[in-house]
Amino acid sequence: MKFSSVKTSAKSQNLLGRLKAKTGLTPNLMARFAICLSIKEKSIPHSEEYDKDGSVLEPAILFGEYEQLYLGLMRNRLKHDGLAETELNEMTRCHLNRGVIALSARIDDLGDFYDLVVEERNV
């Protein structure tokens, strides 16, 4: 199983744009971190909470050279949640959107992002 393109919600697209303006970091980098934040949560995100009215992110752009790492993370999470691998792309979309919302609430500038990375490394 491989990733296919991921469509963000309109809200996530907007939030990723704001995060880029606040931090100077590209949306794909913020999306990667957002996915990790969401994977860390205990609950399973629900697809009906996120529309598909945002932008399309291709796997090569979203994950870059780390696509296999993210594939492993997502497969592990699917197994943990008792979901089939056929849910890979939909759950990746859900984790990305949930993570972007969580991330945007915690970031006002690049310093906040740095602090969050340090905090998450120490957990």
N, C-alpha and C. Protein backbone atom coordinates (compact mmCIF):
# COMPACT_ATOMS: atom_id res chain seq x y z
N MET A 1 0.85 -1.19 0.00
CA MET A 1 0.00 0.00 0.00
C MET A 1 0.89 1.23 0.00
N LYS A 2 0.47 2.23 -0.77
CA LYS A 2 1.22 3.49 -0.87
C LYS A 2 0.27 4.66 -0.64
N PHE A 3 0.87 5.80 -0.35
CA PHE A 3 0.07 7.01 -0.21
C PHE A 3 -0.40 7.48 -1.58
N SER A 4 -1.58 8.05 -1.60
CA SER A 4 -2.04 8.78 -2.78
C SER A 4 -2.12 10.25 -2.35
N SER A 5 -2.56 11.11 -3.23
CA SER A 5 -2.65 12.52 -2.88
C SER A 5 -3.62 12.71 -1.71
N VAL A 6 -3.34 13.72 -0.91
CA VAL A 6 -4.15 14.02 0.27
C VAL A 6 -4.81 15.38 0.06
N LYS A 7 -6.11 15.44 0.27
CA LYS A 7 -6.84 16.69 0.11
C LYS A 7 -7.12 17.27 1.50
N THR A 8 -6.65 18.47 1.72
CA THR A 8 -6.89 19.11 3.01
C THR A 8 -8.31 19.66 3.07
N SER A 9 -8.74 19.96 4.27
CA SER A 9 -10.00 20.68 4.41
C SER A 9 -9.74 22.15 4.10
N ALA A 10 -10.78 22.88 3.83
CA ALA A 10 -10.64 24.32 3.57
C ALA A 10 -10.03 25.01 4.79
N LYS A 11 -10.47 24.59 5.98
CA LYS A 11 -9.94 25.18 7.22
C LYS A 11 -8.45 24.91 7.35
N SER A 12 -8.03 23.67 7.09
CA SER A 12 -6.61 23.33 7.20
C SER A 12 -5.78 24.10 6.17
N GLN A 13 -6.29 24.23 4.96
CA GLN A 13 -5.57 24.99 3.94
C GLN A 13 -5.36 26.42 4.43
N ASN A 14 -6.39 27.02 4.98
CA ASN A 14 -6.31 28.38 5.50
C ASN A 14 -5.30 28.44 6.65
N LEU A 15 -5.38 27.48 7.58
CA LEU A 15 -4.48 27.48 8.73
C LEU A 15 -3.03 27.25 8.30
N LEU A 16 -2.80 26.39 7.33
CA LEU A 16 -1.43 26.18 6.85
C LEU A 16 -0.88 27.46 6.23
N GLY A 17 -1.71 28.20 5.53
CA GLY A 17 -1.29 29.49 4.98
C GLY A 17 -0.93 30.48 6.07
N ARG A 18 -1.73 30.51 7.12
CA ARG A 18 -1.44 31.39 8.26
C ARG A 18 -0.16 30.98 8.97
N LEU A 19 0.02 29.67 9.15
CA LEU A 19 1.24 29.18 9.80
C LEU A 19 2.47 29.54 8.99
N LYS A 20 2.36 29.46 7.67
CA LYS A 20 3.49 29.84 6.81
C LYS A 20 3.82 31.32 7.00
N ALA A 21 2.78 32.15 7.06
CA ALA A 21 2.99 33.58 7.25
C ALA A 21 3.63 33.88 8.61
N LYS A 22 3.23 33.13 9.62
CA LYS A 22 3.75 33.36 10.99
C LYS A 22 5.17 32.84 11.18
N THR A 23 5.49 31.71 10.52
CA THR A 23 6.76 31.05 10.80
C THR A 23 7.75 31.08 9.64
N GLY A 24 7.24 31.24 8.41
CA GLY A 24 8.09 31.16 7.24
C GLY A 24 8.32 29.72 6.78
N LEU A 25 7.76 28.75 7.51
CA LEU A 25 7.92 27.34 7.15
C LEU A 25 6.86 26.94 6.12
N THR A 26 7.24 26.10 5.20
CA THR A 26 6.33 25.68 4.14
C THR A 26 5.21 24.80 4.68
N PRO A 27 4.07 24.81 4.01
CA PRO A 27 2.94 23.99 4.45
C PRO A 27 3.27 22.50 4.57
N ASN A 28 4.11 21.97 3.66
CA ASN A 28 4.41 20.55 3.75
C ASN A 28 5.18 20.21 5.03
N LEU A 29 6.07 21.08 5.47
CA LEU A 29 6.80 20.84 6.72
C LEU A 29 5.85 20.92 7.92
N MET A 30 4.97 21.89 7.90
CA MET A 30 4.00 22.01 8.99
C MET A 30 3.04 20.82 8.99
N ALA A 31 2.65 20.36 7.80
CA ALA A 31 1.75 19.22 7.69
C ALA A 31 2.40 17.95 8.23
N ARG A 32 3.68 17.77 7.98
CA ARG A 32 4.39 16.60 8.51
C ARG A 32 4.35 16.59 10.04
N PHE A 33 4.64 17.73 10.61
CA PHE A 33 4.63 17.82 12.07
C PHE A 33 3.21 17.63 12.59
N ALA A 34 2.24 18.19 11.89
CA ALA A 34 0.83 18.07 12.29
C ALA A 34 0.39 16.61 12.30
N ILE A 35 0.79 15.85 11.30
CA ILE A 35 0.44 14.43 11.26
C ILE A 35 0.99 13.73 12.49
N CYS A 36 2.23 14.02 12.82
CA CYS A 36 2.84 13.39 14.00
C CYS A 36 2.10 13.77 15.28
N LEU A 37 1.70 15.03 15.41
CA LEU A 37 0.94 15.45 16.59
C LEU A 37 -0.36 14.67 16.70
N SER A 38 -1.04 14.50 15.58
CA SER A 38 -2.31 13.79 15.59
C SER A 38 -2.14 12.30 15.87
N ILE A 39 -1.12 11.70 15.28
CA ILE A 39 -0.86 10.27 15.52
C ILE A 39 -0.65 10.01 17.01
N LYS A 40 -0.06 10.96 17.68
CA LYS A 40 0.23 10.83 19.11
C LYS A 40 -1.04 10.82 19.98
N GLU A 41 -2.10 11.42 19.48
CA GLU A 41 -3.36 11.46 20.24
C GLU A 41 -3.93 10.06 20.37
N LYS A 42 -4.62 9.81 21.48
CA LYS A 42 -5.19 8.48 21.71
C LYS A 42 -6.43 8.20 20.85
N SER A 43 -7.24 9.21 20.63
CA SER A 43 -8.50 9.01 19.90
C SER A 43 -8.27 8.88 18.40
N ILE A 44 -9.24 8.28 17.73
CA ILE A 44 -9.21 8.13 16.28
C ILE A 44 -9.94 9.32 15.67
N PRO A 45 -9.32 10.03 14.73
CA PRO A 45 -10.02 11.15 14.09
C PRO A 45 -11.14 10.63 13.18
N HIS A 46 -12.16 11.44 12.99
CA HIS A 46 -13.32 11.04 12.19
C HIS A 46 -13.36 11.84 10.90
N SER A 47 -13.47 11.13 9.78
CA SER A 47 -13.38 11.78 8.48
C SER A 47 -14.49 12.79 8.22
N GLU A 48 -15.67 12.57 8.81
CA GLU A 48 -16.78 13.48 8.55
C GLU A 48 -16.55 14.88 9.16
N GLU A 49 -15.55 15.00 10.02
CA GLU A 49 -15.24 16.30 10.62
C GLU A 49 -14.47 17.21 9.68
N TYR A 50 -13.95 16.66 8.58
CA TYR A 50 -13.07 17.43 7.70
C TYR A 50 -13.57 17.38 6.26
N ASP A 51 -13.91 18.55 5.72
CA ASP A 51 -14.34 18.60 4.32
C ASP A 51 -13.14 18.34 3.41
N LYS A 52 -13.41 18.27 2.14
CA LYS A 52 -12.35 18.04 1.15
C LYS A 52 -12.26 19.22 0.20
N ASP A 53 -12.42 20.41 0.76
CA ASP A 53 -12.47 21.63 -0.05
C ASP A 53 -11.16 22.40 -0.09
N GLY A 54 -10.09 21.80 0.43
CA GLY A 54 -8.80 22.48 0.47
C GLY A 54 -7.91 22.11 -0.70
N SER A 55 -6.62 22.18 -0.47
CA SER A 55 -5.66 21.91 -1.53
C SER A 55 -5.26 20.43 -1.55
N VAL A 56 -4.72 20.02 -2.67
CA VAL A 56 -4.24 18.65 -2.85
C VAL A 56 -2.74 18.64 -2.61
N LEU A 57 -2.32 17.72 -1.76
CA LEU A 57 -0.89 17.55 -1.48
C LEU A 57 -0.46 16.18 -2.00
N GLU A 58 0.47 16.19 -2.93
CA GLU A 58 0.98 14.93 -3.47
C GLU A 58 1.98 14.34 -2.47
N PRO A 59 2.04 13.01 -2.38
CA PRO A 59 2.94 12.37 -1.41
C PRO A 59 4.39 12.82 -1.52
N ALA A 60 4.90 12.98 -2.73
CA ALA A 60 6.30 13.39 -2.90
C ALA A 60 6.56 14.77 -2.30
N ILE A 61 5.57 15.65 -2.36
CA ILE A 61 5.71 17.00 -1.80
C ILE A 61 5.43 16.96 -0.29
N LEU A 62 4.37 16.28 0.09
CA LEU A 62 3.99 16.23 1.50
C LEU A 62 5.06 15.58 2.36
N PHE A 63 5.56 14.44 1.93
CA PHE A 63 6.51 13.69 2.76
C PHE A 63 7.96 13.79 2.32
N GLY A 64 8.19 14.18 1.08
CA GLY A 64 9.56 14.28 0.59
C GLY A 64 10.29 12.96 0.73
N GLU A 65 11.54 13.04 1.12
CA GLU A 65 12.37 11.84 1.26
C GLU A 65 11.96 10.96 2.43
N TYR A 66 11.02 11.43 3.25
CA TYR A 66 10.61 10.68 4.43
C TYR A 66 9.30 9.91 4.23
N GLU A 67 8.91 9.70 2.98
CA GLU A 67 7.64 9.03 2.71
C GLU A 67 7.57 7.65 3.36
N GLN A 68 8.63 6.88 3.29
CA GLN A 68 8.62 5.53 3.87
C GLN A 68 8.50 5.59 5.40
N LEU A 69 9.10 6.58 6.01
CA LEU A 69 8.98 6.76 7.46
C LEU A 69 7.52 7.04 7.84
N TYR A 70 6.89 7.94 7.11
CA TYR A 70 5.49 8.27 7.40
C TYR A 70 4.57 7.10 7.08
N LEU A 71 4.91 6.33 6.07
CA LEU A 71 4.13 5.14 5.75
C LEU A 71 4.19 4.15 6.92
N GLY A 72 5.36 3.99 7.49
CA GLY A 72 5.50 3.12 8.66
C GLY A 72 4.72 3.63 9.86
N LEU A 73 4.80 4.94 10.10
CA LEU A 73 4.04 5.54 11.21
C LEU A 73 2.54 5.34 11.03
N MET A 74 2.07 5.56 9.82
CA MET A 74 0.63 5.42 9.57
C MET A 74 0.19 3.96 9.64
N ARG A 75 0.98 3.06 9.12
CA ARG A 75 0.63 1.64 9.21
C ARG A 75 0.56 1.19 10.66
N ASN A 76 1.51 1.64 11.45
CA ASN A 76 1.51 1.31 12.88
C ASN A 76 0.26 1.85 13.56
N ARG A 77 -0.12 3.08 13.22
CA ARG A 77 -1.31 3.69 13.82
C ARG A 77 -2.58 2.95 13.38
N LEU A 78 -2.66 2.59 12.11
CA LEU A 78 -3.81 1.83 11.63
C LEU A 78 -3.95 0.52 12.39
N LYS A 79 -2.85 -0.18 12.57
CA LYS A 79 -2.85 -1.44 13.32
C LYS A 79 -3.30 -1.20 14.75
N HIS A 80 -2.77 -0.16 15.38
CA HIS A 80 -3.13 0.19 16.76
C HIS A 80 -4.63 0.46 16.88
N ASP A 81 -5.19 1.12 15.88
CA ASP A 81 -6.61 1.48 15.89
C ASP A 81 -7.52 0.37 15.39
N GLY A 82 -6.94 -0.74 14.95
CA GLY A 82 -7.73 -1.85 14.44
C GLY A 82 -8.36 -1.56 13.09
N LEU A 83 -7.69 -0.74 12.29
CA LEU A 83 -8.20 -0.37 10.97
C LEU A 83 -7.42 -1.07 9.87
N ALA A 84 -8.07 -1.34 8.77
CA ALA A 84 -7.44 -1.99 7.62
C ALA A 84 -6.52 -1.03 6.90
N GLU A 85 -5.52 -1.59 6.22
CA GLU A 85 -4.60 -0.75 5.45
C GLU A 85 -5.29 -0.01 4.32
N THR A 86 -6.47 -0.48 3.94
CA THR A 86 -7.23 0.23 2.90
C THR A 86 -7.67 1.61 3.38
N GLU A 87 -7.59 1.85 4.67
CA GLU A 87 -7.95 3.15 5.27
C GLU A 87 -6.76 4.12 5.30
N LEU A 88 -5.61 3.68 4.79
CA LEU A 88 -4.39 4.48 4.89
C LEU A 88 -4.57 5.92 4.45
N ASN A 89 -5.05 6.13 3.24
CA ASN A 89 -5.12 7.49 2.70
C ASN A 89 -6.18 8.34 3.40
N GLU A 90 -7.30 7.75 3.73
CA GLU A 90 -8.35 8.52 4.42
C GLU A 90 -7.90 8.89 5.84
N MET A 91 -7.24 7.96 6.53
CA MET A 91 -6.79 8.27 7.88
C MET A 91 -5.61 9.24 7.87
N THR A 92 -4.79 9.19 6.83
CA THR A 92 -3.72 10.18 6.70
C THR A 92 -4.33 11.56 6.54
N ARG A 93 -5.37 11.66 5.73
CA ARG A 93 -6.08 12.93 5.54
C ARG A 93 -6.64 13.42 6.88
N CYS A 94 -7.24 12.51 7.63
CA CYS A 94 -7.83 12.88 8.93
C CYS A 94 -6.76 13.34 9.91
N HIS A 95 -5.67 12.59 9.99
CA HIS A 95 -4.59 12.97 10.92
C HIS A 95 -3.97 14.30 10.52
N LEU A 96 -3.79 14.52 9.23
CA LEU A 96 -3.24 15.80 8.78
C LEU A 96 -4.15 16.95 9.20
N ASN A 97 -5.43 16.84 8.93
CA ASN A 97 -6.36 17.92 9.26
C ASN A 97 -6.48 18.14 10.76
N ARG A 98 -6.61 17.06 11.53
CA ARG A 98 -6.70 17.22 12.99
C ARG A 98 -5.42 17.83 13.54
N GLY A 99 -4.30 17.38 13.02
CA GLY A 99 -3.02 17.90 13.48
C GLY A 99 -2.80 19.36 13.16
N VAL A 100 -3.21 19.78 11.97
CA VAL A 100 -3.06 21.20 11.59
C VAL A 100 -3.87 22.08 12.53
N ILE A 101 -5.07 21.66 12.86
CA ILE A 101 -5.90 22.45 13.78
C ILE A 101 -5.23 22.54 15.16
N ALA A 102 -4.71 21.43 15.64
CA ALA A 102 -4.02 21.43 16.95
C ALA A 102 -2.76 22.28 16.90
N LEU A 103 -2.00 22.15 15.82
CA LEU A 103 -0.75 22.89 15.68
C LEU A 103 -1.00 24.38 15.61
N SER A 104 -1.99 24.79 14.85
CA SER A 104 -2.23 26.22 14.66
C SER A 104 -2.61 26.92 15.96
N ALA A 105 -3.21 26.18 16.88
CA ALA A 105 -3.59 26.77 18.17
C ALA A 105 -2.37 27.02 19.06
N ARG A 106 -1.25 26.40 18.72
CA ARG A 106 -0.06 26.48 19.57
C ARG A 106 1.06 27.33 18.99
N ILE A 107 0.90 27.85 17.77
CA ILE A 107 1.98 28.55 17.08
C ILE A 107 1.60 29.98 16.74
N ASP A 108 2.38 30.92 17.24
CA ASP A 108 2.22 32.32 16.86
C ASP A 108 3.42 32.84 16.08
N ASP A 109 4.56 32.16 16.23
CA ASP A 109 5.75 32.56 15.49
C ASP A 109 6.73 31.39 15.44
N LEU A 110 7.84 31.57 14.77
CA LEU A 110 8.81 30.51 14.60
C LEU A 110 9.36 30.04 15.95
N GLY A 111 9.50 30.95 16.90
CA GLY A 111 9.96 30.58 18.24
C GLY A 111 9.02 29.60 18.91
N ASP A 112 7.73 29.79 18.73
CA ASP A 112 6.74 28.86 19.29
C ASP A 112 6.90 27.47 18.67
N PHE A 113 7.16 27.45 17.37
CA PHE A 113 7.35 26.15 16.71
C PHE A 113 8.59 25.46 17.27
N TYR A 114 9.67 26.20 17.42
CA TYR A 114 10.90 25.64 17.99
C TYR A 114 10.62 25.09 19.39
N ASP A 115 9.94 25.87 20.22
CA ASP A 115 9.62 25.42 21.58
C ASP A 115 8.77 24.15 21.57
N LEU A 116 7.83 24.07 20.65
CA LEU A 116 6.97 22.90 20.54
C LEU A 116 7.78 21.67 20.13
N VAL A 117 8.72 21.83 19.21
CA VAL A 117 9.57 20.71 18.80
C VAL A 117 10.38 20.22 19.99
N VAL A 118 10.98 21.15 20.73
CA VAL A 118 11.75 20.76 21.92
C VAL A 118 10.88 20.06 22.94
N GLU A 119 9.69 20.60 23.17
CA GLU A 119 8.74 20.00 24.12
C GLU A 119 8.35 18.58 23.70
N GLU A 120 8.05 18.39 22.43
CA GLU A 120 7.64 17.07 21.94
C GLU A 120 8.79 16.07 21.98
N ARG A 121 10.00 16.53 21.78
CA ARG A 121 11.16 15.62 21.84
C ARG A 121 11.37 15.09 23.24
N ASN A 122 11.01 15.89 24.23
CA ASN A 122 11.25 15.53 25.63
C ASN A 122 10.12 14.74 26.26
N VAL A 123 9.08 14.49 25.50
CA VAL A 123 7.93 13.74 26.07
C VAL A 123 8.21 12.26 26.04
